[in-house]
Protein backbone atom coordinates (compact mmCIF):
# COMPACT_ATOMS: atom_id res chain seq x y z
CA MET A 1 23.90 -18.64 32.10
CA SER A 2 25.08 -21.88 30.51
CA ALA A 3 28.46 -22.30 28.85
CA ARG A 4 26.81 -22.39 25.43
CA HIS A 5 25.01 -19.07 26.04
CA ARG A 6 28.22 -17.48 27.33
CA LEU A 7 30.05 -18.63 24.20
CA ALA A 8 27.35 -17.14 21.94
CA LEU A 9 27.51 -13.84 23.83
CA VAL A 10 31.29 -13.70 23.48
CA ALA A 11 31.02 -14.41 19.73
CA LEU A 12 28.58 -11.54 19.24
CA LEU A 13 30.75 -9.18 21.23
CA CYS A 14 33.71 -10.18 19.08
CA LEU A 15 31.72 -9.08 16.03
CA GLY A 16 31.61 -5.59 17.48
CA MET A 17 28.12 -5.59 18.98
CA THR A 18 27.60 -4.04 22.40
CA PRO A 19 25.70 -5.90 25.17
CA ASP A 20 22.64 -3.71 24.50
CA GLU A 21 22.70 -4.69 20.83
CA VAL A 22 22.86 -8.40 21.66
CA LEU A 23 19.47 -8.14 23.38
CA ALA A 24 16.53 -8.12 20.97
CA GLU A 25 14.02 -5.28 21.08
CA GLY A 26 10.58 -6.41 19.97
CA PHE A 27 8.15 -4.07 18.23
CA PHE A 28 4.57 -4.03 16.97
CA ASP A 29 3.47 -1.38 14.45
CA LEU A 30 0.06 -0.33 13.16
CA TYR A 31 -0.22 2.01 10.16
CA ALA A 32 -2.69 3.56 7.72
CA GLY A 33 -2.49 5.94 4.78
CA LEU A 34 -2.84 6.32 1.02
CA ALA A 35 -1.99 3.91 -1.83
CA VAL A 36 -1.54 5.13 -5.42
CA THR A 37 -1.25 2.47 -8.12
CA VAL A 38 0.60 3.44 -11.30
CA SER A 39 -1.43 3.54 -14.54
CA ASN A 40 -0.27 0.86 -16.96
CA ASP A 41 -1.12 -1.35 -19.93
CA VAL A 42 -3.29 -4.27 -18.83
CA ALA A 43 -3.19 -7.38 -21.01
CA SER A 44 -6.26 -9.54 -21.62
CA THR A 45 -6.04 -12.94 -23.33
CA SER A 46 -9.12 -14.83 -24.50
CA SER A 47 -9.56 -18.59 -24.58
CA GLU A 48 -9.00 -18.35 -28.35
CA ASN A 49 -5.55 -16.80 -27.64
CA GLU A 50 -6.68 -13.37 -28.78
CA ARG A 51 -4.58 -10.87 -26.85
CA THR A 52 -5.48 -7.23 -26.32
CA VAL A 53 -3.68 -4.53 -24.33
CA ASP A 54 -5.50 -1.48 -22.97
CA ARG A 55 -4.32 1.44 -20.86
CA PHE A 56 -5.96 1.60 -17.44
CA ASP A 57 -5.98 3.99 -14.52
CA PHE A 58 -6.46 2.79 -10.96
CA LYS A 59 -8.39 4.48 -8.20
CA ASP A 60 -6.46 5.78 -5.19
CA SER A 61 -7.05 3.62 -2.13
CA PHE A 62 -6.55 3.54 1.60
CA SER A 63 -3.63 1.38 2.75
CA VAL A 64 -3.63 -0.26 6.18
CA GLY A 65 -1.57 -2.88 7.94
CA GLY A 66 0.57 -4.00 10.84
CA ARG A 67 3.90 -5.69 11.46
CA LEU A 68 5.66 -7.59 14.21
CA GLY A 69 9.41 -7.88 14.47
CA TYR A 70 12.67 -7.45 16.35
CA TRP A 71 15.58 -5.04 16.33
CA TRP A 72 19.10 -6.17 17.15
CA GLY A 73 20.84 -2.86 17.46
CA ALA A 74 20.92 -1.28 13.99
CA VAL A 75 19.45 -4.26 12.11
CA GLY A 76 16.07 -5.92 12.31
CA MET A 77 13.47 -8.18 10.74
CA ASN A 78 9.68 -8.01 10.57
CA LEU A 79 6.61 -9.88 9.39
CA ASP A 80 4.30 -7.39 7.66
CA VAL A 81 0.61 -7.78 6.74
CA SER A 82 -1.07 -5.10 4.61
CA TYR A 83 -4.30 -4.47 2.70
CA PHE A 84 -5.39 -2.03 -0.01
CA ARG A 85 -7.89 -1.78 -2.90
CA PRO A 86 -6.31 -0.62 -6.21
CA GLU A 87 -9.55 -0.84 -8.20
CA LEU A 88 -9.60 -0.36 -11.96
CA ASP A 89 -11.30 2.80 -13.15
CA PRO A 90 -14.41 1.53 -15.01
CA ASP A 91 -14.33 4.52 -17.36
CA ASP A 92 -11.10 3.15 -18.86
CA PHE A 93 -12.51 -0.10 -20.22
CA GLU A 94 -12.32 0.20 -23.98
CA GLY A 95 -11.86 -1.93 -27.07
CA THR A 96 -13.00 -5.51 -26.52
CA LEU A 97 -14.19 -5.04 -22.92
CA VAL A 98 -16.90 -2.90 -21.36
CA SER A 99 -16.99 -3.15 -17.58
CA THR A 100 -20.01 -2.42 -15.46
CA THR A 101 -18.47 -3.15 -12.04
CA THR A 102 -15.07 -4.20 -10.70
CA ASP A 103 -13.76 -4.99 -7.25
CA LEU A 104 -10.03 -5.50 -6.60
CA ASP A 105 -8.56 -6.32 -3.17
CA VAL A 106 -4.92 -7.05 -2.30
CA VAL A 107 -3.53 -8.60 0.89
CA GLY A 108 0.25 -8.72 1.27
CA VAL A 109 2.22 -10.86 3.73
CA GLY A 110 5.92 -10.01 3.66
CA LEU A 111 9.17 -10.76 5.45
CA ASN A 112 11.49 -7.75 5.50
CA LEU A 113 15.05 -7.05 6.56
CA MET A 114 15.51 -3.65 8.19
CA ALA A 115 18.28 -1.19 9.07
CA ARG A 116 18.01 1.94 11.19
CA GLY A 117 19.91 4.92 12.45
CA ARG A 118 19.82 5.81 16.16
CA PHE A 119 20.04 9.50 16.99
CA LEU A 120 19.29 11.72 20.00
CA LYS A 121 20.26 9.04 22.48
CA SER A 122 19.66 9.48 26.18
CA ALA A 123 19.83 7.44 29.37
CA ASP A 124 16.25 6.21 29.01
CA LEU A 125 16.40 5.89 25.20
CA SER A 126 19.62 4.03 24.44
CA ASP A 127 18.57 3.41 20.82
CA GLY A 128 17.79 7.07 20.28
CA ARG A 129 14.65 9.16 20.12
CA LEU A 130 15.00 9.69 16.34
CA GLN A 131 15.27 6.50 14.25
CA PRO A 132 15.28 6.72 10.43
CA TYR A 133 15.02 3.29 8.81
CA VAL A 134 14.87 1.39 5.52
CA PHE A 135 13.49 -2.07 4.72
CA ALA A 136 12.96 -4.51 1.86
CA GLY A 137 11.89 -8.08 1.31
CA PRO A 138 9.73 -10.58 -0.56
CA THR A 139 5.95 -10.39 -0.19
CA VAL A 140 3.26 -12.93 -0.96
CA PHE A 141 0.30 -11.07 -2.46
CA VAL A 142 -3.18 -12.58 -2.46
CA SER A 143 -5.24 -10.54 -4.94
CA ARG A 144 -8.96 -10.97 -5.56
CA PHE A 145 -10.64 -9.46 -8.61
CA ALA A 146 -14.43 -9.58 -9.07
CA CYS A 147 -15.99 -8.22 -12.22
CA ASP A 148 -19.21 -7.94 -14.15
CA VAL A 149 -18.05 -7.51 -17.74
CA SER A 150 -19.94 -7.36 -21.02
CA GLY A 151 -18.04 -8.31 -24.16
CA ARG A 152 -17.88 -6.99 -27.69
CA GLY A 153 -17.49 -8.93 -30.87
CA ARG A 154 -17.05 -12.64 -30.24
CA ARG A 155 -16.40 -12.19 -26.52
CA ARG A 156 -19.39 -13.00 -24.37
CA SER A 157 -20.41 -11.37 -21.10
CA VAL A 158 -18.76 -12.55 -17.89
CA SER A 159 -19.72 -12.11 -14.26
CA ASP A 160 -17.08 -13.84 -12.14
CA SER A 161 -14.32 -13.50 -9.57
CA ALA A 162 -10.80 -14.88 -9.39
CA VAL A 163 -7.97 -15.05 -6.86
CA SER A 164 -4.28 -14.83 -7.75
CA THR A 165 -1.39 -15.60 -5.39
CA THR A 166 2.00 -14.24 -6.43
CA VAL A 167 5.39 -13.42 -4.91
CA GLY A 168 6.37 -9.79 -5.28
CA LEU A 169 8.42 -7.14 -3.50
CA THR A 170 7.98 -4.50 -0.82
CA ALA A 171 10.61 -1.84 -0.11
CA GLY A 172 10.63 1.52 1.59
CA GLY A 173 11.81 3.72 4.37
CA GLY A 174 10.66 6.11 7.03
CA VAL A 175 11.44 7.79 10.30
CA THR A 176 10.33 6.97 13.85
CA PHE A 177 10.15 9.45 16.70
CA MET A 178 10.01 7.78 20.11
CA LEU A 179 7.72 9.59 22.54
CA ALA A 180 8.87 7.35 25.38
CA ARG A 181 10.84 4.14 25.77
CA GLN A 182 7.93 1.91 24.73
CA ILE A 183 5.87 4.04 22.32
CA GLY A 184 6.56 6.17 19.27
CA LEU A 185 5.13 7.57 16.04
CA PHE A 186 6.39 7.01 12.50
CA ALA A 187 5.84 8.16 8.92
CA GLU A 188 6.77 5.92 6.01
CA TYR A 189 6.93 5.52 2.24
CA ARG A 190 6.70 2.03 0.72
CA PHE A 191 6.62 0.62 -2.78
CA THR A 192 4.91 -2.67 -3.63
CA ARG A 193 5.37 -4.66 -6.84
CA ASN A 194 2.68 -7.21 -7.64
CA ARG A 195 1.97 -9.08 -10.90
CA PRO A 196 -1.29 -11.03 -10.47
CA GLN A 197 -2.87 -13.15 -13.19
CA PHE A 198 -6.63 -13.57 -12.96
CA GLN A 199 -8.12 -16.58 -14.71
CA PHE A 200 -11.76 -16.09 -15.68
CA GLU A 201 -14.04 -18.21 -17.78
CA GLY A 202 -13.19 -17.10 -21.28
CA PHE A 203 -10.24 -14.79 -20.66
CA THR A 204 -7.21 -13.97 -18.49
CA LEU A 205 -6.49 -10.51 -17.08
CA GLU A 206 -2.93 -9.43 -16.16
CA PRO A 207 -2.69 -6.04 -14.44
CA LYS A 208 0.58 -4.63 -13.10
CA LEU A 209 -0.09 -3.43 -9.57
CA ASP A 210 2.96 -1.24 -8.91
CA SER A 211 1.85 0.96 -6.01
CA HIS A 212 3.20 3.83 -3.93
CA HIS A 213 2.06 3.96 -0.29
CA VAL A 214 2.41 6.87 2.12
CA VAL A 215 1.44 5.81 5.63
CA ALA A 216 1.80 6.85 9.27
CA GLY A 217 1.32 4.92 12.46
CA VAL A 218 2.25 4.05 16.01
CA THR A 219 5.00 1.71 17.20
CA LEU A 220 5.04 -0.22 20.48
CA ARG A 221 8.35 -1.56 21.80
CA PHE A 222 8.79 -4.45 24.22
């Protein structure tokens, strides 16, 4: 070990971290579950600056994803990639819009800070068999909305798709139960906040995609 590495180790120990906490524990998680997007008022603005607001429900969707990160004792960081489909309910299109088909997909790429508890420790599980955790961080959402819409009044029919890239938020928490030193199971709740803006020919659509996710998965430690 070089003098520089020894100095860094001493500095970390002086901050109160044990030698085990200085060493990073890598992890890779895969998860799947249910996403429920909150009903809300969706604004639509035409090219003539006519603005309408209609109440919409969203269909429940599957939610899948994976993350890669590191734990340093009780704190950690991860890169998270997720996907779900909070499609608009076509029965809710009223007023100036009548929708025949819609297709809404959301991919999220987030960087999260994490904190965990470490309980039921043993000789082979120094970080504990039971590990409750919380996390939060910014997420880049890439949302794609395809629609086949017929208009009323002065608004003409539109069949188009649009992609919106926005920065939102992901936050949540869960609990991990380690089956062995390198594998465990977890259950988790997460909340995602996404505000896409879809630009179509003739109008702009602005849904609020606040979603609750309940997922479960497997964690691999290395």
